[in-house]
C-alpha atoms as a PDB file:
ATOM      1  CA  MET A   1    -180.356  58.255 -69.977  1.00  0.00           C
ATOM      2  CA  ASN A   2    -177.394  59.100 -72.230  1.00  0.00           C
ATOM      3  CA  PHE A   3    -174.264  57.639 -70.240  1.00  0.00           C
ATOM      4  CA  LYS A   4    -171.868  58.151 -73.252  1.00  0.00           C
ATOM      5  CA  ASP A   5    -172.117  61.951 -72.607  1.00  0.00           C
ATOM      6  CA  LEU A   6    -170.678  61.330 -69.009  1.00  0.00           C
ATOM      7  CA  GLY A   7    -167.783  59.175 -70.495  1.00  0.00           C
ATOM      8  CA  LEU A   8    -168.993  55.792 -70.905  1.00  0.00           C
ATOM      9  CA  SER A   9    -168.431  53.611 -74.280  1.00  0.00           C
ATOM     10  CA  TYR A  10    -171.455  52.611 -76.534  1.00  0.00           C
ATOM     11  CA  TYR A  11    -171.725  49.090 -75.163  1.00  0.00           C
ATOM     12  CA  GLU A  12    -171.106  50.251 -71.240  1.00  0.00           C
ATOM     13  CA  ASP A  13    -174.020  52.761 -72.089  1.00  0.00           C
ATOM     14  CA  LYS A  14    -176.147  50.297 -72.918  1.00  0.00           C
ATOM     15  CA  ALA A  15    -175.424  48.003 -70.073  1.00  0.00           C
ATOM     16  CA  LEU A  16    -175.687  50.357 -67.175  1.00  0.00           C
ATOM     17  CA  ASN A  17    -179.055  51.668 -68.610  1.00  0.00           C
ATOM     18  CA  ALA A  18    -180.547  48.192 -68.216  1.00  0.00           C
ATOM     19  CA  ILE A  19    -178.736  47.563 -64.974  1.00  0.00           C
ATOM     20  CA  ILE A  20    -179.395  50.642 -63.327  1.00  0.00           C
ATOM     21  CA  ARG A  21    -183.376  49.816 -63.083  1.00  0.00           C
ATOM     22  CA  ASP A  22    -182.862  46.686 -61.680  1.00  0.00           C
ATOM     23  CA  LYS A  23    -181.109  43.235 -60.658  1.00  0.00           C
ATOM     24  CA  ILE A  24    -180.515  41.348 -63.743  1.00  0.00           C
ATOM     25  CA  SER A  25    -178.791  38.126 -65.017  1.00  0.00           C
ATOM     26  CA  ILE A  26    -176.071  38.445 -67.557  1.00  0.00           C
ATOM     27  CA  LYS A  27    -177.887  36.305 -70.207  1.00  0.00           C
ATOM     28  CA  LYS A  28    -180.729  38.657 -69.967  1.00  0.00           C
ATOM     29  CA  LEU A  29    -179.014  41.608 -69.959  1.00  0.00           C
ATOM     30  CA  SER A  30    -177.021  40.511 -73.135  1.00  0.00           C
ATOM     31  CA  ASN A  31    -180.619  39.795 -74.771  1.00  0.00           C
ATOM     32  CA  ILE A  32    -182.250  43.309 -73.720  1.00  0.00           C
ATOM     33  CA  SER A  33    -179.369  45.331 -74.284  1.00  0.00           C
ATOM     34  CA  HIS A  34    -178.347  43.699 -77.610  1.00  0.00           C
ATOM     35  CA  ILE A  35    -174.943  43.198 -76.537  1.00  0.00           C
ATOM     36  CA  PRO A  36    -173.395  40.203 -78.023  1.00  0.00           C
ATOM     37  CA  PRO A  37    -172.679  37.252 -75.863  1.00  0.00           C
ATOM     38  CA  GLY A  38    -168.905  37.577 -76.673  1.00  0.00           C
ATOM     39  CA  LYS A  39    -168.871  41.245 -75.476  1.00  0.00           C
ATOM     40  CA  ILE A  40    -171.039  41.132 -72.562  1.00  0.00           C
ATOM     41  CA  TYR A  41    -168.233  39.812 -70.059  1.00  0.00           C
ATOM     42  CA  SER A  42    -165.533  42.141 -70.730  1.00  0.00           C
ATOM     43  CA  VAL A  43    -168.423  45.227 -70.403  1.00  0.00           C
ATOM     44  CA  ILE A  44    -169.580  43.902 -67.394  1.00  0.00           C
ATOM     45  CA  LYS A  45    -165.780  43.924 -66.021  1.00  0.00           C
ATOM     46  CA  SER A  46    -165.386  47.437 -67.206  1.00  0.00           C
ATOM     47  CA  LEU A  47    -168.140  48.831 -65.266  1.00  0.00           C
ATOM     48  CA  HIS A  48    -167.399  46.752 -62.534  1.00  0.00           C
ATOM     49  CA  ASN A  49    -163.865  47.749 -62.273  1.00  0.00           C
ATOM     50  CA  LYS A  50    -165.023  51.296 -62.708  1.00  0.00           C
ATOM     51  CA  GLY A  51    -167.115  50.797 -59.267  1.00  0.00           C
ATOM     52  CA  LEU A  52    -170.284  51.333 -61.129  1.00  0.00           C
ATOM     53  CA  ILE A  53    -171.857  48.203 -60.634  1.00  0.00           C
ATOM     54  CA  LYS A  54    -171.608  45.026 -58.679  1.00  0.00           C
ATOM     55  CA  ALA A  55    -172.176  41.223 -59.008  1.00  0.00           C
ATOM     56  CA  THR A  56    -173.854  38.347 -56.927  1.00  0.00           C
ATOM     57  CA  ASP A  57    -171.636  35.281 -56.103  1.00  0.00           C
ATOM     58  CA  THR A  58    -174.625  33.247 -57.398  1.00  0.00           C
ATOM     59  CA  ARG A  59    -175.438  30.942 -60.379  1.00  0.00           C
ATOM     60  CA  PRO A  60    -176.493  32.344 -62.438  1.00  0.00           C
ATOM     61  CA  LYS A  61    -174.601  35.708 -61.682  1.00  0.00           C
ATOM     62  CA  TYR A  62    -176.750  38.768 -61.421  1.00  0.00           C
ATOM     63  CA  VAL A  63    -175.453  42.319 -61.799  1.00  0.00           C
ATOM     64  CA  TYR A  64    -176.612  45.546 -59.952  1.00  0.00           C
ATOM     65  CA  VAL A  65    -176.429  49.062 -59.210  1.00  0.00           C
ATOM     66  CA  ASP A  66    -176.242  49.417 -55.196  1.00  0.00           C
ATOM     67  CA  ASN A  67    -177.353  53.182 -55.238  1.00  0.00           C
ATOM     68  CA  ALA A  68    -178.572  54.702 -58.718  1.00  0.00           C
ATOM     69  CA  SER A  69    -178.514  58.221 -57.640  1.00  0.00           C
ATOM     70  CA  LYS A  70    -174.841  57.962 -56.250  1.00  0.00           C
ATOM     71  CA  ILE A  71    -173.835  56.339 -59.305  1.00  0.00           C
ATOM     72  CA  ILE A  72    -175.292  59.298 -61.426  1.00  0.00           C
ATOM     73  CA  GLU A  73    -174.063  61.948 -59.050  1.00  0.00           C
ATOM     74  CA  ARG A  74    -170.406  60.289 -59.537  1.00  0.00           C
ATOM     75  CA  LEU A  75    -170.321  60.134 -63.225  1.00  0.00           C
ATOM     76  CA  ILE A  76    -171.634  63.876 -63.367  1.00  0.00           C
ATOM     77  CA  LYS A  77    -168.863  64.846 -61.003  1.00  0.00           C
ATOM     78  CA  GLU A  78    -166.355  63.202 -62.630  1.00  0.00           C
ATOM     79  CA  LYS A  79    -167.378  64.615 -66.289  1.00  0.00           C
ATOM     80  CA  GLN A  80    -167.454  68.048 -64.700  1.00  0.00           C
ATOM     81  CA  SER A  81    -163.900  67.500 -63.334  1.00  0.00           C
ATOM     82  CA  GLU A  82    -162.764  66.687 -66.787  1.00  0.00           C
ATOM     83  CA  ASP A  83    -164.546  69.514 -68.203  1.00  0.00           C
ATOM     84  CA  GLU A  84    -162.850  71.806 -65.960  1.00  0.00           C
ATOM     85  CA  LYS A  85    -159.481  70.370 -66.640  1.00  0.00           C
ATOM     86  CA  LEU A  86    -160.249  70.857 -70.491  1.00  0.00           C
ATOM     87  CA  PHE A  87    -161.369  74.162 -69.776  1.00  0.00           C
ATOM     88  CA  LYS A  88    -158.224  75.198 -68.113  1.00  0.00           C
ATOM     89  CA  GLU A  89    -156.272  74.028 -70.615  1.00  0.00           C
ATOM     90  CA  LEU A  90    -158.148  75.805 -73.349  1.00  0.00           C
ATOM     91  CA  LEU A  91    -157.932  78.986 -71.373  1.00  0.00           C
ATOM     92  CA  GLN A  92    -154.041  78.960 -70.827  1.00  0.00           C
ATOM     93  CA  GLU A  93    -153.791  77.929 -74.896  1.00  0.00           C
ATOM     94  CA  SER A  94    -156.241  80.893 -75.731  1.00  0.00           C
ATOM     95  CA  ALA A  95    -154.269  83.200 -73.355  1.00  0.00           C
ATOM     96  CA  ALA A  96    -150.916  82.265 -74.821  1.00  0.00           C
ATOM     97  CA  ILE A  97    -152.548  82.810 -78.555  1.00  0.00           C
ATOM     98  CA  SER A  98    -153.901  86.076 -77.799  1.00  0.00           C
ATOM     99  CA  ARG A  99    -150.591  87.477 -76.485  1.00  0.00           C
ATOM    100  CA  SER A 100    -148.842  86.375 -79.281  1.00  0.00           C
ATOM    101  CA  LYS A 101    -151.256  87.952 -81.410  1.00  0.00           C
ATOM    102  CA  LEU A 102    -151.885  90.908 -79.344  1.00  0.00           C
ATOM    103  CA  GLU A 103    -155.445  90.530 -79.303  1.00  0.00           C
ATOM    104  CA  HIS A 104    -158.331  90.519 -76.573  1.00  0.00           C
ATOM    105  CA  ASN A 105    -158.838  87.162 -74.818  1.00  0.00           C
ATOM    106  CA  THR A 106    -162.366  86.711 -74.369  1.00  0.00           C
ATOM    107  CA  LEU A 107    -162.146  83.846 -71.747  1.00  0.00           C
ATOM    108  CA  LEU A 108    -159.458  85.758 -69.737  1.00  0.00           C
ATOM    109  CA  ASP A 109    -159.845  89.506 -70.462  1.00  0.00           C
ATOM    110  CA  ILE A 110    -157.481  91.876 -68.829  1.00  0.00           C
ATOM    111  CA  GLY A 111    -157.982  95.795 -69.149  1.00  0.00           C
ATOM    112  CA  TYR A 112    -155.324  98.269 -68.304  1.00  0.00           C
ATOM    113  CA  THR A 113    -156.860 101.447 -69.224  1.00  0.00           C
ATOM    114  CA  GLN A 114    -160.289 103.226 -68.766  1.00  0.00           C
ATOM    115  CA  GLU A 115    -161.294 102.395 -72.124  1.00  0.00           C
ATOM    116  CA  ASP A 116    -160.731  98.681 -71.284  1.00  0.00           C
ATOM    117  CA  ASN A 117    -162.815  99.355 -68.045  1.00  0.00           C
ATOM    118  CA  VAL A 118    -165.860 100.465 -70.092  1.00  0.00           C
ATOM    119  CA  ARG A 119    -165.549  97.519 -72.581  1.00  0.00           C
ATOM    120  CA  ILE A 120    -165.056  95.020 -69.819  1.00  0.00           C
ATOM    121  CA  GLN A 121    -167.478  96.172 -67.622  1.00  0.00           C
ATOM    122  CA  SER A 122    -169.995  96.160 -70.118  1.00  0.00           C
ATOM    123  CA  ARG A 123    -169.569  92.551 -71.028  1.00  0.00           C
ATOM    124  CA  VAL A 124    -171.377  92.023 -67.399  1.00  0.00           C
ATOM    125  CA  PHE A 125    -174.263  93.464 -68.151  1.00  0.00           C
ATOM    126  CA  GLU A 126    -174.353  92.348 -72.087  1.00  0.00           C
ATOM    127  CA  GLU A 127    -173.655  88.751 -71.580  1.00  0.00           C
ATOM    128  CA  ALA A 128    -175.772  88.049 -68.302  1.00  0.00           C
ATOM    129  CA  GLU A 129    -178.594  85.818 -68.749  1.00  0.00           C
ATOM    130  CA  HIS A 130    -180.047  85.137 -65.201  1.00  0.00           C
ATOM    131  CA  GLU A 131    -178.509  86.889 -62.210  1.00  0.00           C
ATOM    132  CA  VAL A 132    -175.597  89.089 -61.497  1.00  0.00           C
ATOM    133  CA  CYS A 133    -174.498  89.626 -57.968  1.00  0.00           C
ATOM    134  CA  GLN A 134    -172.562  92.648 -57.361  1.00  0.00           C
ATOM    135  CA  LEU A 135    -170.101  93.556 -54.488  1.00  0.00           C
ATOM    136  CA  PHE A 136    -169.164  97.035 -54.498  1.00  0.00           C
ATOM    137  CA  ASN A 137    -166.394  98.184 -51.875  1.00  0.00           C
ATOM    138  CA  ASP A 138    -166.217 101.384 -49.809  1.00  0.00           C
ATOM    139  CA  ASN A 139    -164.328 103.126 -52.737  1.00  0.00           C
ATOM    140  CA  HIS A 140    -167.442 103.163 -54.948  1.00  0.00           C
ATOM    141  CA  ARG A 141    -168.433 106.540 -56.185  1.00  0.00           C
ATOM    142  CA  PRO A 142    -171.647 106.685 -58.328  1.00  0.00           C
ATOM    143  CA  ASN A 143    -171.329 110.264 -58.597  1.00  0.00           C
ATOM    144  CA  ALA A 144    -167.738 110.118 -60.116  1.00  0.00           C
ATOM    145  CA  ASN A 145    -167.236 109.492 -63.854  1.00  0.00           C
ATOM    146  CA  ARG A 146    -170.749 110.137 -64.669  1.00  0.00           C
ATOM    147  CA  LYS A 147    -170.370 109.641 -68.484  1.00  0.00           C
ATOM    148  CA  ASN A 148    -169.308 105.701 -67.676  1.00  0.00           C
ATOM    149  CA  LYS A 149    -171.462 105.397 -64.770  1.00  0.00           C
ATOM    150  CA  THR A 150    -174.651 106.375 -66.889  1.00  0.00           C
ATOM    151  CA  LEU A 151    -173.779 103.934 -69.621  1.00  0.00           C
ATOM    152  CA  TRP A 152    -173.601 101.066 -67.257  1.00  0.00           C
ATOM    153  CA  GLU A 153    -176.759 102.088 -65.636  1.00  0.00           C
ATOM    154  CA  GLU A 154    -178.493 102.140 -69.057  1.00  0.00           C
ATOM    155  CA  GLN A 155    -177.311  98.625 -69.636  1.00  0.00           C
ATOM    156  CA  ILE A 156    -178.326  97.429 -66.197  1.00  0.00           C
ATOM    157  CA  ILE A 157    -181.855  98.862 -66.943  1.00  0.00           C
ATOM    158  CA  THR A 158    -181.743  96.971 -70.161  1.00  0.00           C
ATOM    159  CA  ALA A 159    -180.640  93.773 -68.823  1.00  0.00           C
ATOM    160  CA  THR A 160    -183.304  93.680 -66.122  1.00  0.00           C
ATOM    161  CA  LYS A 161    -185.985  94.201 -68.949  1.00  0.00           C
ATOM    162  CA  ARG A 162    -184.461  90.852 -70.421  1.00  0.00           C
ATOM    163  CA  GLY A 163    -185.427  89.280 -66.829  1.00  0.00           C
ATOM    164  CA  VAL A 164    -181.846  89.438 -65.662  1.00  0.00           C
ATOM    165  CA  ILE A 165    -181.876  89.925 -61.377  1.00  0.00           C
ATOM    166  CA  PHE A 166    -179.386  91.933 -59.731  1.00  0.00           C
ATOM    167  CA  LYS A 167    -178.289  91.163 -55.989  1.00  0.00           C
ATOM    168  CA  CYS A 168    -176.082  94.256 -54.951  1.00  0.00           C
ATOM    169  CA  VAL A 169    -173.962  95.092 -52.055  1.00  0.00           C
ATOM    170  CA  TYR A 170    -173.437  98.817 -51.747  1.00  0.00           C
ATOM    171  CA  PRO A 171    -171.376 100.664 -49.315  1.00  0.00           C
ATOM    172  CA  GLU A 172    -173.530 101.793 -46.425  1.00  0.00           C
ATOM    173  CA  ASN A 173    -173.417 105.545 -47.086  1.00  0.00           C
ATOM    174  CA  VAL A 174    -173.536 105.603 -50.986  1.00  0.00           C
ATOM    175  CA  GLU A 175    -176.891 106.705 -52.536  1.00  0.00           C
ATOM    176  CA  LEU A 176    -178.172 105.128 -55.183  1.00  0.00           C
ATOM    177  CA  PRO A 177    -178.567 107.026 -58.786  1.00  0.00           C
ATOM    178  CA  GLN A 178    -182.190 108.103 -59.595  1.00  0.00           C
ATOM    179  CA  SER A 179    -182.370 105.747 -62.608  1.00  0.00           C
ATOM    180  CA  LEU A 180    -181.439 102.493 -60.265  1.00  0.00           C
ATOM    181  CA  LYS A 181    -183.854 103.787 -57.634  1.00  0.00           C
ATOM    182  CA  LYS A 182    -186.556 103.303 -60.217  1.00  0.00           C
ATOM    183  CA  LEU A 183    -185.901  99.737 -60.668  1.00  0.00           C
ATOM    184  CA  SER A 184    -188.231  97.045 -59.202  1.00  0.00           C
ATOM    185  CA  ALA A 185    -186.638  95.448 -56.027  1.00  0.00           C
ATOM    186  CA  LYS A 186    -187.425  92.075 -57.492  1.00  0.00           C
ATOM    187  CA  LEU A 187    -185.009  92.681 -60.219  1.00  0.00           C
ATOM    188  CA  PHE A 188    -182.745  95.020 -58.673  1.00  0.00           C
ATOM    189  CA  ASN A 189    -182.169  94.044 -55.114  1.00  0.00           C
ATOM    190  CA  VAL A 190    -179.709  96.198 -52.891  1.00  0.00           C
ATOM    191  CA  ARG A 191    -178.299  95.804 -49.461  1.00  0.00           C
ATOM    192  CA  ARG A 192    -175.615  97.720 -47.442  1.00  0.00           C
ATOM    193  CA  MET A 193    -172.585  96.697 -45.608  1.00  0.00           C
ATOM    194  CA  VAL A 194    -168.984  98.321 -44.999  1.00  0.00           C
ATOM    195  CA  ASN A 195    -166.686  96.520 -47.493  1.00  0.00           C
ATOM    196  CA  GLN A 196    -163.203  96.903 -48.099  1.00  0.00           C
ATOM    197  CA  HIS A 197    -162.795  93.944 -50.315  1.00  0.00           C
ATOM    198  CA  TYR A 198    -162.232  94.100 -54.217  1.00  0.00           C
ATOM    199  CA  ARG A 199    -165.008  95.150 -56.521  1.00  0.00           C
ATOM    200  CA  ILE A 200    -166.691  91.922 -57.500  1.00  0.00           C
ATOM    201  CA  ASP A 201    -169.378  90.669 -60.090  1.00  0.00           C
ATOM    202  CA  ILE A 202    -170.445  87.130 -60.380  1.00  0.00           C
ATOM    203  CA  VAL A 203    -172.492  86.630 -63.558  1.00  0.00           C
ATOM    204  CA  ASP A 204    -174.660  83.457 -63.783  1.00  0.00           C
ATOM    205  CA  ASN A 205    -172.424  81.604 -61.407  1.00  0.00           C
ATOM    206  CA  LYS A 206    -169.814  81.298 -64.375  1.00  0.00           C
ATOM    207  CA  ASN A 207    -168.277  84.356 -65.065  1.00  0.00           C
ATOM    208  CA  ILE A 208    -166.265  86.788 -62.892  1.00  0.00           C
ATOM    209  CA  LEU A 209    -165.647  90.603 -63.045  1.00  0.00           C
ATOM    210  CA  ILE A 210    -162.665  91.837 -60.642  1.00  0.00           C
ATOM    211  CA  LYS A 211    -161.966  95.367 -60.454  1.00  0.00           C
ATOM    212  CA  PHE A 212    -159.235  96.935 -58.476  1.00  0.00           C
ATOM    213  CA  THR A 213    -160.114 100.658 -57.187  1.00  0.00           C
ATOM    214  CA  TYR A 214    -158.671 103.118 -55.303  1.00  0.00           C
ATOM    215  CA  GLU A 215    -160.176 106.087 -52.803  1.00  0.00           C
ATOM    216  CA  ASP A 216    -159.469 108.353 -55.736  1.00  0.00           C
ATOM    217  CA  PRO A 217    -161.793 107.345 -58.760  1.00  0.00           C
ATOM    218  CA  LEU A 218    -159.508 108.911 -61.404  1.00  0.00           C
ATOM    219  CA  ILE A 219    -156.650 106.396 -60.520  1.00  0.00           C
ATOM    220  CA  PHE A 220    -157.666 103.041 -62.157  1.00  0.00           C
ATOM    221  CA  GLY A 221    -155.884 100.035 -61.183  1.00  0.00           C
ATOM    222  CA  GLY A 222    -157.160  97.411 -63.559  1.00  0.00           C
ATOM    223  CA  ILE A 223    -160.158  95.166 -64.197  1.00  0.00           C
ATOM    224  CA  ILE A 224    -160.236  91.192 -65.111  1.00  0.00           C
ATOM    225  CA  TYR A 225    -162.923  89.349 -66.901  1.00  0.00           C
ATOM    226  CA  ILE A 226    -162.884  85.427 -66.163  1.00  0.00           C
ATOM    227  CA  LYS A 227    -165.082  82.605 -67.427  1.00  0.00           C
ATOM    228  CA  ASP A 228    -164.572  79.855 -65.014  1.00  0.00           C
ATOM    229  CA  SER A 229    -167.641  78.461 -63.423  1.00  0.00           C
ATOM    230  CA  ARG A 230    -165.542  76.795 -60.228  1.00  0.00           C
ATOM    231  CA  LEU A 231    -164.058  80.051 -59.383  1.00  0.00           C
ATOM    232  CA  ALA A 232    -167.477  81.781 -59.740  1.00  0.00           C
ATOM    233  CA  LEU A 233    -169.133  79.287 -57.330  1.00  0.00           C
ATOM    234  CA  ASN A 234    -166.470  79.580 -54.864  1.00  0.00           C
ATOM    235  CA  LEU A 235    -166.986  83.317 -55.064  1.00  0.00           C
ATOM    236  CA  ARG A 236    -170.838  82.796 -55.016  1.00  0.00           C
ATOM    237  CA  LYS A 237    -170.458  81.362 -51.554  1.00  0.00           C
ATOM    238  CA  ILE A 238    -168.427  84.174 -50.163  1.00  0.00           C
ATOM    239  CA  PHE A 239    -171.032  86.612 -51.842  1.00  0.00           C
ATOM    240  CA  ASP A 240    -173.939  84.598 -50.117  1.00  0.00           C
ATOM    241  CA  ASP A 241    -172.222  84.859 -46.832  1.00  0.00           C
ATOM    242  CA  ILE A 242    -171.603  88.762 -47.152  1.00  0.00           C
ATOM    243  CA  TRP A 243    -175.352  88.850 -48.444  1.00  0.00           C
ATOM    244  CA  MET A 244    -176.805  87.344 -45.585  1.00  0.00           C
ATOM    245  CA  LYS A 245    -174.782  89.689 -43.077  1.00  0.00           C
ATOM    246  CA  SER A 246    -175.712  92.773 -44.963  1.00  0.00           C
ATOM    247  CA  LYS A 247    -178.967  94.687 -44.293  1.00  0.00           C
END
């Protein structure tokens, strides 16, 4: 296992790889991990201070891992937390740079016009690799603005040909376009529910589209596309609950 990718140093990685498999004496640990005797105690102290290993009070002293799966899970969570912090910092920095240069920000893409709406909505279908969860509210009008709707329907069909699965919650009384009715239910699965929430797409549990709609389809409120896995997972939990309650 490569614990360096989870934040450990070169020697910590070598030591933990040996300790995690079995209780081991410090002398044997130094030998099999090829950590110099003058370095081994500082490495053990560092791993112990991080709460990753334990040590016996015997002579000779043995070091061990109490529960390997819990230790690995903790390292993964800490790494994910660090990555999320870095991601947010980069997101804020990229947003500031994009604003100063008056350019589109692909990490946080905000649209104000119908042209923005077409461009950003299309990203959902173009960037999806595995699954798209779509939550339509009661203002959804498939028959309105057919030029754009036809474009997106074609993109959905193209995405399903790549193997992308769609799980969609539509309003109860909205009829699906004929082109989407022809899709296999295994790839385009639709349920129904009265929904007054925002229009939301969750893409591969890492990207989110939020569209602000109104009962008059000609009035466009705005659209946001965010690359944020933690927010996506939070919204996915909500979507799954709505999905289970829909029919």
